[in-house]
N, C-alpha and C. Protein backbone atom coordinates (compact mmCIF):
# COMPACT_ATOMS: atom_id res chain seq x y z
N MET A 1 -28.16 -2.25 47.33
CA MET A 1 -27.19 -3.20 47.83
C MET A 1 -27.94 -4.40 48.42
N ASP A 2 -27.54 -5.62 48.04
CA ASP A 2 -28.26 -6.80 48.54
C ASP A 2 -27.82 -7.16 49.96
N THR A 3 -28.55 -8.09 50.56
CA THR A 3 -28.30 -8.48 51.95
C THR A 3 -26.90 -9.04 52.15
N PHE A 4 -26.43 -9.87 51.23
CA PHE A 4 -25.08 -10.44 51.35
C PHE A 4 -24.04 -9.32 51.44
N HIS A 5 -24.12 -8.35 50.54
CA HIS A 5 -23.17 -7.24 50.56
C HIS A 5 -23.26 -6.46 51.86
N GLN A 6 -24.46 -6.24 52.36
CA GLN A 6 -24.63 -5.53 53.63
C GLN A 6 -23.97 -6.30 54.77
N HIS A 7 -24.14 -7.64 54.76
CA HIS A 7 -23.50 -8.46 55.80
C HIS A 7 -21.99 -8.39 55.71
N VAL A 8 -21.47 -8.48 54.49
CA VAL A 8 -20.02 -8.40 54.29
C VAL A 8 -19.49 -7.09 54.87
N LEU A 9 -20.13 -6.01 54.56
CA LEU A 9 -19.66 -4.71 55.02
C LEU A 9 -19.74 -4.59 56.54
N ALA A 10 -20.81 -5.10 57.13
CA ALA A 10 -20.95 -5.07 58.59
C ALA A 10 -19.86 -5.92 59.25
N ILE A 11 -19.56 -7.06 58.68
CA ILE A 11 -18.54 -7.95 59.23
C ILE A 11 -17.17 -7.27 59.18
N VAL A 12 -16.83 -6.70 58.04
CA VAL A 12 -15.53 -6.05 57.91
C VAL A 12 -15.42 -4.87 58.87
N ARG A 13 -16.49 -4.14 59.03
CA ARG A 13 -16.46 -3.01 59.97
C ARG A 13 -16.27 -3.47 61.42
N SER A 14 -16.60 -4.71 61.72
CA SER A 14 -16.50 -5.21 63.09
C SER A 14 -15.13 -5.78 63.44
N ILE A 15 -14.24 -5.92 62.46
CA ILE A 15 -12.91 -6.49 62.72
C ILE A 15 -12.13 -5.51 63.59
N PRO A 16 -11.67 -5.96 64.74
CA PRO A 16 -10.93 -5.05 65.63
C PRO A 16 -9.60 -4.59 65.01
N ARG A 17 -9.18 -3.44 65.43
CA ARG A 17 -7.89 -2.87 65.03
C ARG A 17 -6.78 -3.87 65.35
N GLY A 18 -5.85 -4.06 64.41
CA GLY A 18 -4.72 -4.95 64.61
C GLY A 18 -5.04 -6.42 64.37
N MET A 19 -6.23 -6.71 63.85
CA MET A 19 -6.60 -8.09 63.55
C MET A 19 -7.00 -8.18 62.08
N VAL A 20 -6.99 -9.39 61.55
CA VAL A 20 -7.32 -9.61 60.15
C VAL A 20 -8.23 -10.81 60.00
N VAL A 21 -8.86 -10.89 58.85
CA VAL A 21 -9.63 -12.07 58.45
C VAL A 21 -9.31 -12.36 56.99
N SER A 22 -9.65 -13.55 56.56
CA SER A 22 -9.51 -13.89 55.15
C SER A 22 -10.82 -13.59 54.44
N TYR A 23 -10.74 -13.49 53.12
CA TYR A 23 -11.94 -13.30 52.32
C TYR A 23 -12.91 -14.46 52.56
N GLY A 24 -12.36 -15.66 52.69
CA GLY A 24 -13.19 -16.84 52.95
C GLY A 24 -13.92 -16.75 54.27
N GLN A 25 -13.24 -16.25 55.29
CA GLN A 25 -13.90 -16.06 56.59
C GLN A 25 -15.08 -15.12 56.46
N VAL A 26 -14.87 -14.03 55.75
CA VAL A 26 -15.96 -13.06 55.58
C VAL A 26 -17.15 -13.73 54.91
N ALA A 27 -16.90 -14.51 53.87
CA ALA A 27 -17.98 -15.20 53.18
C ALA A 27 -18.71 -16.17 54.11
N VAL A 28 -17.96 -16.93 54.91
CA VAL A 28 -18.56 -17.87 55.86
C VAL A 28 -19.41 -17.11 56.88
N TYR A 29 -18.85 -16.06 57.44
CA TYR A 29 -19.57 -15.29 58.45
C TYR A 29 -20.82 -14.63 57.87
N ALA A 30 -20.80 -14.32 56.58
CA ALA A 30 -21.96 -13.71 55.92
C ALA A 30 -22.99 -14.75 55.50
N GLY A 31 -22.72 -16.03 55.80
CA GLY A 31 -23.69 -17.08 55.52
C GLY A 31 -23.60 -17.69 54.14
N GLU A 32 -22.54 -17.36 53.39
CA GLU A 32 -22.36 -17.88 52.04
C GLU A 32 -20.93 -18.39 51.87
N PRO A 33 -20.62 -19.58 52.43
CA PRO A 33 -19.24 -20.06 52.44
C PRO A 33 -18.58 -20.19 51.07
N LYS A 34 -19.36 -20.32 50.02
CA LYS A 34 -18.78 -20.48 48.68
C LYS A 34 -18.67 -19.16 47.93
N ALA A 35 -18.94 -18.06 48.62
CA ALA A 35 -18.98 -16.75 47.96
C ALA A 35 -17.75 -15.90 48.29
N THR A 36 -16.59 -16.54 48.32
CA THR A 36 -15.36 -15.81 48.65
C THR A 36 -15.10 -14.67 47.68
N ARG A 37 -15.21 -14.95 46.40
CA ARG A 37 -14.96 -13.91 45.39
C ARG A 37 -15.96 -12.76 45.53
N GLU A 38 -17.21 -13.11 45.76
CA GLU A 38 -18.24 -12.09 45.91
C GLU A 38 -17.97 -11.20 47.13
N ALA A 39 -17.47 -11.82 48.20
CA ALA A 39 -17.09 -11.04 49.39
C ALA A 39 -15.97 -10.07 49.02
N GLY A 40 -15.00 -10.55 48.27
CA GLY A 40 -13.91 -9.69 47.82
C GLY A 40 -14.40 -8.54 46.97
N TRP A 41 -15.35 -8.81 46.08
CA TRP A 41 -15.88 -7.75 45.23
C TRP A 41 -16.61 -6.70 46.07
N ALA A 42 -17.39 -7.16 47.05
CA ALA A 42 -18.11 -6.21 47.92
C ALA A 42 -17.13 -5.33 48.67
N ILE A 43 -16.04 -5.92 49.15
CA ILE A 43 -15.02 -5.16 49.87
C ILE A 43 -14.32 -4.19 48.92
N ARG A 44 -14.00 -4.66 47.74
CA ARG A 44 -13.31 -3.81 46.76
C ARG A 44 -14.16 -2.59 46.40
N ASP A 45 -15.47 -2.78 46.32
CA ASP A 45 -16.34 -1.67 45.94
C ASP A 45 -16.29 -0.51 46.93
N LEU A 46 -15.96 -0.79 48.18
CA LEU A 46 -15.86 0.27 49.18
C LEU A 46 -14.44 0.46 49.68
N GLY A 47 -13.48 -0.14 48.99
CA GLY A 47 -12.11 -0.21 49.44
C GLY A 47 -11.39 1.06 49.79
N ASP A 48 -11.83 2.20 49.27
CA ASP A 48 -11.07 3.40 49.59
C ASP A 48 -11.84 4.35 50.50
N GLU A 49 -12.94 3.91 51.08
CA GLU A 49 -13.67 4.74 52.02
C GLU A 49 -12.90 4.82 53.34
N GLN A 50 -12.81 5.99 53.90
CA GLN A 50 -12.01 6.23 55.10
C GLN A 50 -12.48 5.43 56.31
N ASP A 51 -13.78 5.27 56.48
CA ASP A 51 -14.28 4.60 57.69
C ASP A 51 -14.50 3.10 57.49
N PHE A 52 -14.05 2.57 56.37
CA PHE A 52 -14.23 1.16 56.06
C PHE A 52 -12.87 0.46 56.08
N PRO A 53 -12.61 -0.41 57.07
CA PRO A 53 -11.27 -1.00 57.24
C PRO A 53 -10.98 -2.17 56.29
N TRP A 54 -11.03 -1.91 55.01
CA TRP A 54 -10.79 -2.91 53.97
C TRP A 54 -9.45 -3.60 54.13
N TRP A 55 -8.47 -2.89 54.68
CA TRP A 55 -7.10 -3.41 54.78
C TRP A 55 -6.98 -4.59 55.74
N ARG A 56 -8.01 -4.85 56.54
CA ARG A 56 -7.97 -5.95 57.51
C ARG A 56 -8.40 -7.28 56.90
N VAL A 57 -8.62 -7.31 55.59
CA VAL A 57 -9.03 -8.54 54.90
C VAL A 57 -7.96 -8.88 53.87
N LEU A 58 -7.50 -10.15 53.93
CA LEU A 58 -6.49 -10.61 52.98
C LEU A 58 -6.72 -12.08 52.67
N ASN A 59 -5.84 -12.66 51.88
CA ASN A 59 -6.08 -14.06 51.54
C ASN A 59 -5.71 -14.98 52.71
N ASN A 60 -6.13 -16.21 52.64
CA ASN A 60 -6.02 -17.13 53.77
C ASN A 60 -4.59 -17.58 54.08
N THR A 61 -3.66 -17.27 53.22
CA THR A 61 -2.26 -17.61 53.51
C THR A 61 -1.56 -16.48 54.27
N GLY A 62 -2.25 -15.35 54.41
CA GLY A 62 -1.66 -14.20 55.08
C GLY A 62 -0.97 -13.25 54.12
N ARG A 63 -1.23 -13.42 52.85
CA ARG A 63 -0.60 -12.56 51.83
C ARG A 63 -1.56 -11.45 51.44
N VAL A 64 -1.02 -10.25 51.40
CA VAL A 64 -1.77 -9.11 50.87
C VAL A 64 -1.86 -9.33 49.37
N SER A 65 -3.06 -9.38 48.85
CA SER A 65 -3.20 -9.71 47.43
C SER A 65 -4.34 -8.92 46.79
N LEU A 66 -4.19 -7.63 46.77
CA LEU A 66 -5.20 -6.78 46.14
C LEU A 66 -5.15 -6.96 44.64
N GLN A 67 -6.32 -6.99 44.02
CA GLN A 67 -6.38 -7.10 42.58
C GLN A 67 -7.48 -6.19 42.05
N GLU A 68 -7.24 -5.63 40.92
CA GLU A 68 -8.25 -4.87 40.19
C GLU A 68 -8.87 -3.73 40.99
N ASN A 69 -8.10 -3.09 41.84
CA ASN A 69 -8.61 -1.92 42.54
C ASN A 69 -7.63 -0.77 42.30
N PRO A 70 -7.99 0.13 41.41
CA PRO A 70 -7.07 1.21 41.07
C PRO A 70 -6.89 2.25 42.18
N ASN A 71 -7.73 2.19 43.21
CA ASN A 71 -7.69 3.21 44.26
C ASN A 71 -6.76 2.89 45.42
N VAL A 72 -6.36 1.63 45.56
CA VAL A 72 -5.50 1.24 46.68
C VAL A 72 -4.42 0.30 46.19
N THR A 73 -3.34 0.16 46.98
CA THR A 73 -2.24 -0.72 46.60
C THR A 73 -1.96 -1.71 47.72
N SER A 74 -1.28 -2.76 47.39
CA SER A 74 -0.85 -3.74 48.39
C SER A 74 0.07 -3.10 49.42
N GLU A 75 0.93 -2.21 48.95
CA GLU A 75 1.85 -1.53 49.86
C GLU A 75 1.10 -0.66 50.86
N LEU A 76 0.03 0.01 50.39
CA LEU A 76 -0.79 0.81 51.30
C LEU A 76 -1.46 -0.09 52.33
N GLN A 77 -1.96 -1.24 51.89
CA GLN A 77 -2.60 -2.17 52.83
C GLN A 77 -1.59 -2.61 53.89
N GLN A 78 -0.37 -2.93 53.49
CA GLN A 78 0.65 -3.32 54.45
C GLN A 78 0.94 -2.17 55.42
N GLN A 79 1.06 -0.96 54.92
CA GLN A 79 1.33 0.20 55.78
C GLN A 79 0.22 0.42 56.80
N LEU A 80 -1.04 0.28 56.36
CA LEU A 80 -2.17 0.48 57.27
C LEU A 80 -2.19 -0.59 58.36
N LEU A 81 -1.89 -1.84 57.99
CA LEU A 81 -1.83 -2.91 58.99
C LEU A 81 -0.67 -2.69 59.95
N GLN A 82 0.47 -2.30 59.43
CA GLN A 82 1.63 -2.04 60.29
C GLN A 82 1.33 -0.90 61.27
N ALA A 83 0.58 0.09 60.84
CA ALA A 83 0.21 1.20 61.72
C ALA A 83 -0.68 0.73 62.86
N GLU A 84 -1.32 -0.43 62.69
CA GLU A 84 -2.15 -1.03 63.74
C GLU A 84 -1.38 -2.04 64.57
N GLY A 85 -0.08 -2.19 64.31
CA GLY A 85 0.75 -3.09 65.10
C GLY A 85 0.95 -4.47 64.51
N VAL A 86 0.46 -4.70 63.31
CA VAL A 86 0.63 -6.00 62.65
C VAL A 86 2.05 -6.06 62.08
N GLU A 87 2.76 -7.13 62.41
CA GLU A 87 4.12 -7.32 61.91
C GLU A 87 4.10 -8.25 60.70
N PHE A 88 4.90 -7.93 59.73
CA PHE A 88 5.00 -8.73 58.51
C PHE A 88 6.25 -9.60 58.57
N THR A 89 6.14 -10.84 58.12
CA THR A 89 7.26 -11.77 58.12
C THR A 89 8.15 -11.56 56.90
N GLU A 90 7.57 -11.02 55.85
CA GLU A 90 8.27 -10.64 54.63
C GLU A 90 7.37 -9.64 53.92
N PRO A 91 7.86 -8.98 52.89
CA PRO A 91 7.00 -8.00 52.22
C PRO A 91 5.65 -8.61 51.80
N LEU A 92 4.59 -7.95 52.20
CA LEU A 92 3.21 -8.31 51.86
C LEU A 92 2.77 -9.66 52.43
N MET A 93 3.46 -10.18 53.45
CA MET A 93 3.13 -11.49 54.03
C MET A 93 3.18 -11.40 55.55
N LEU A 94 2.13 -11.92 56.21
CA LEU A 94 2.08 -11.94 57.67
C LEU A 94 1.62 -13.30 58.15
N ASP A 95 1.80 -13.55 59.42
CA ASP A 95 1.34 -14.79 60.05
C ASP A 95 -0.14 -14.61 60.37
N ILE A 96 -1.00 -15.09 59.48
CA ILE A 96 -2.44 -14.84 59.63
C ILE A 96 -3.00 -15.44 60.91
N GLU A 97 -2.48 -16.57 61.34
CA GLU A 97 -3.01 -17.18 62.56
C GLU A 97 -2.72 -16.33 63.79
N ARG A 98 -1.64 -15.62 63.78
CA ARG A 98 -1.29 -14.75 64.90
C ARG A 98 -2.26 -13.58 65.03
N TYR A 99 -2.74 -13.06 63.90
CA TYR A 99 -3.58 -11.86 63.89
C TYR A 99 -5.04 -12.13 63.51
N ARG A 100 -5.38 -13.40 63.28
CA ARG A 100 -6.73 -13.72 62.82
C ARG A 100 -7.78 -13.36 63.86
N TYR A 101 -8.83 -12.68 63.41
CA TYR A 101 -9.98 -12.34 64.25
C TYR A 101 -10.85 -13.59 64.36
N ARG A 102 -11.14 -13.97 65.59
CA ARG A 102 -11.95 -15.15 65.86
C ARG A 102 -13.15 -14.74 66.72
N PRO A 103 -14.24 -14.35 66.09
CA PRO A 103 -15.40 -13.90 66.88
C PRO A 103 -15.99 -15.04 67.71
N ASP A 104 -16.59 -14.67 68.82
CA ASP A 104 -17.23 -15.66 69.68
C ASP A 104 -18.60 -16.05 69.13
N ARG A 105 -19.23 -16.99 69.78
CA ARG A 105 -20.53 -17.52 69.36
C ARG A 105 -21.57 -16.41 69.22
N THR A 106 -21.64 -15.52 70.19
CA THR A 106 -22.64 -14.45 70.15
C THR A 106 -22.44 -13.56 68.93
N THR A 107 -21.19 -13.25 68.64
CA THR A 107 -20.90 -12.42 67.47
C THR A 107 -21.25 -13.17 66.19
N LEU A 108 -20.94 -14.46 66.12
CA LEU A 108 -21.29 -15.25 64.94
C LEU A 108 -22.80 -15.29 64.74
N GLU A 109 -23.54 -15.37 65.82
CA GLU A 109 -25.00 -15.35 65.72
C GLU A 109 -25.47 -14.00 65.19
N ARG A 110 -24.82 -12.93 65.61
CA ARG A 110 -25.18 -11.59 65.15
C ARG A 110 -24.83 -11.42 63.66
N PHE A 111 -23.77 -12.09 63.23
CA PHE A 111 -23.45 -12.13 61.81
C PHE A 111 -24.52 -13.02 61.18
N ASN A 112 -24.27 -13.54 60.04
CA ASN A 112 -25.29 -14.33 59.35
C ASN A 112 -24.99 -15.83 59.37
N VAL A 113 -24.17 -16.30 60.32
CA VAL A 113 -23.82 -17.72 60.36
C VAL A 113 -25.04 -18.51 60.79
N LYS A 114 -25.35 -19.53 60.01
CA LYS A 114 -26.51 -20.38 60.32
C LYS A 114 -26.25 -21.12 61.62
N PRO A 115 -27.28 -21.23 62.48
CA PRO A 115 -27.09 -21.90 63.77
C PRO A 115 -26.45 -23.29 63.65
N GLU A 116 -26.82 -24.03 62.63
CA GLU A 116 -26.27 -25.38 62.47
C GLU A 116 -24.81 -25.37 62.02
N ASP A 117 -24.29 -24.22 61.61
CA ASP A 117 -22.91 -24.12 61.15
C ASP A 117 -21.96 -23.51 62.18
N ILE A 118 -22.49 -22.97 63.27
CA ILE A 118 -21.67 -22.23 64.22
C ILE A 118 -20.56 -23.09 64.81
N GLU A 119 -20.85 -24.32 65.23
CA GLU A 119 -19.81 -25.18 65.81
C GLU A 119 -18.66 -25.41 64.83
N GLU A 120 -19.02 -25.69 63.58
CA GLU A 120 -17.99 -25.93 62.57
C GLU A 120 -17.14 -24.67 62.35
N VAL A 121 -17.78 -23.52 62.31
CA VAL A 121 -17.05 -22.27 62.11
C VAL A 121 -16.13 -21.99 63.30
N LEU A 122 -16.64 -22.20 64.50
CA LEU A 122 -15.80 -21.98 65.69
C LEU A 122 -14.58 -22.89 65.65
N GLN A 123 -14.78 -24.13 65.26
CA GLN A 123 -13.67 -25.08 65.21
C GLN A 123 -12.69 -24.75 64.09
N LYS A 124 -13.22 -24.35 62.95
CA LYS A 124 -12.36 -24.07 61.79
C LYS A 124 -11.41 -22.91 62.06
N TYR A 125 -11.87 -21.90 62.76
CA TYR A 125 -11.05 -20.71 62.97
C TYR A 125 -10.54 -20.59 64.40
N THR A 126 -10.43 -21.71 65.08
CA THR A 126 -9.84 -21.73 66.41
C THR A 126 -8.38 -22.15 66.28
N VAL A 127 -7.54 -21.54 67.06
CA VAL A 127 -6.12 -21.91 67.03
C VAL A 127 -5.99 -23.35 67.50
N GLN A 128 -5.33 -24.16 66.73
CA GLN A 128 -5.14 -25.56 67.08
C GLN A 128 -3.97 -25.65 68.07
N GLN A 129 -4.23 -26.22 69.22
CA GLN A 129 -3.20 -26.39 70.23
C GLN A 129 -2.42 -27.69 69.95
N PRO A 130 -1.11 -27.67 70.15
CA PRO A 130 -0.34 -28.91 69.95
C PRO A 130 -0.76 -29.94 70.98
N PRO A 131 -0.71 -31.22 70.64
CA PRO A 131 -1.09 -32.25 71.61
C PRO A 131 -0.15 -32.27 72.80
N LEU A 132 -0.69 -32.60 73.95
CA LEU A 132 0.12 -32.73 75.16
C LEU A 132 0.93 -34.01 75.09
N LEU A 133 2.15 -33.96 75.50
CA LEU A 133 3.01 -35.15 75.46
C LEU A 133 3.00 -35.85 76.79
């Protein structure tokens, strides 16, 4: 297993119960922002292992969108997330910003985020506050 795959797996294992990330977030945190598909493939390869919380990763719109994995279903992913307290707004769709995992600077450093990219990553995945009137 190469270093990128090892980072992806470590990142997914660190997602707290009841929180989610997008495939793109995983790729960014693993130090390869353009490797979203590769992150998905790494997750899919271990998708049915009991101690690997694959269900906490979905697409960036908040839609459960499993593909090409005969061992798991989108419905199972929704059930596992609901068991952790995640509420769905419609079948297979949730408010990703409400449940998005946003690691702090120290955690990003422990992941594979390049020091020069940490500020951008923190800003990209920070909840945007409405302007004060």
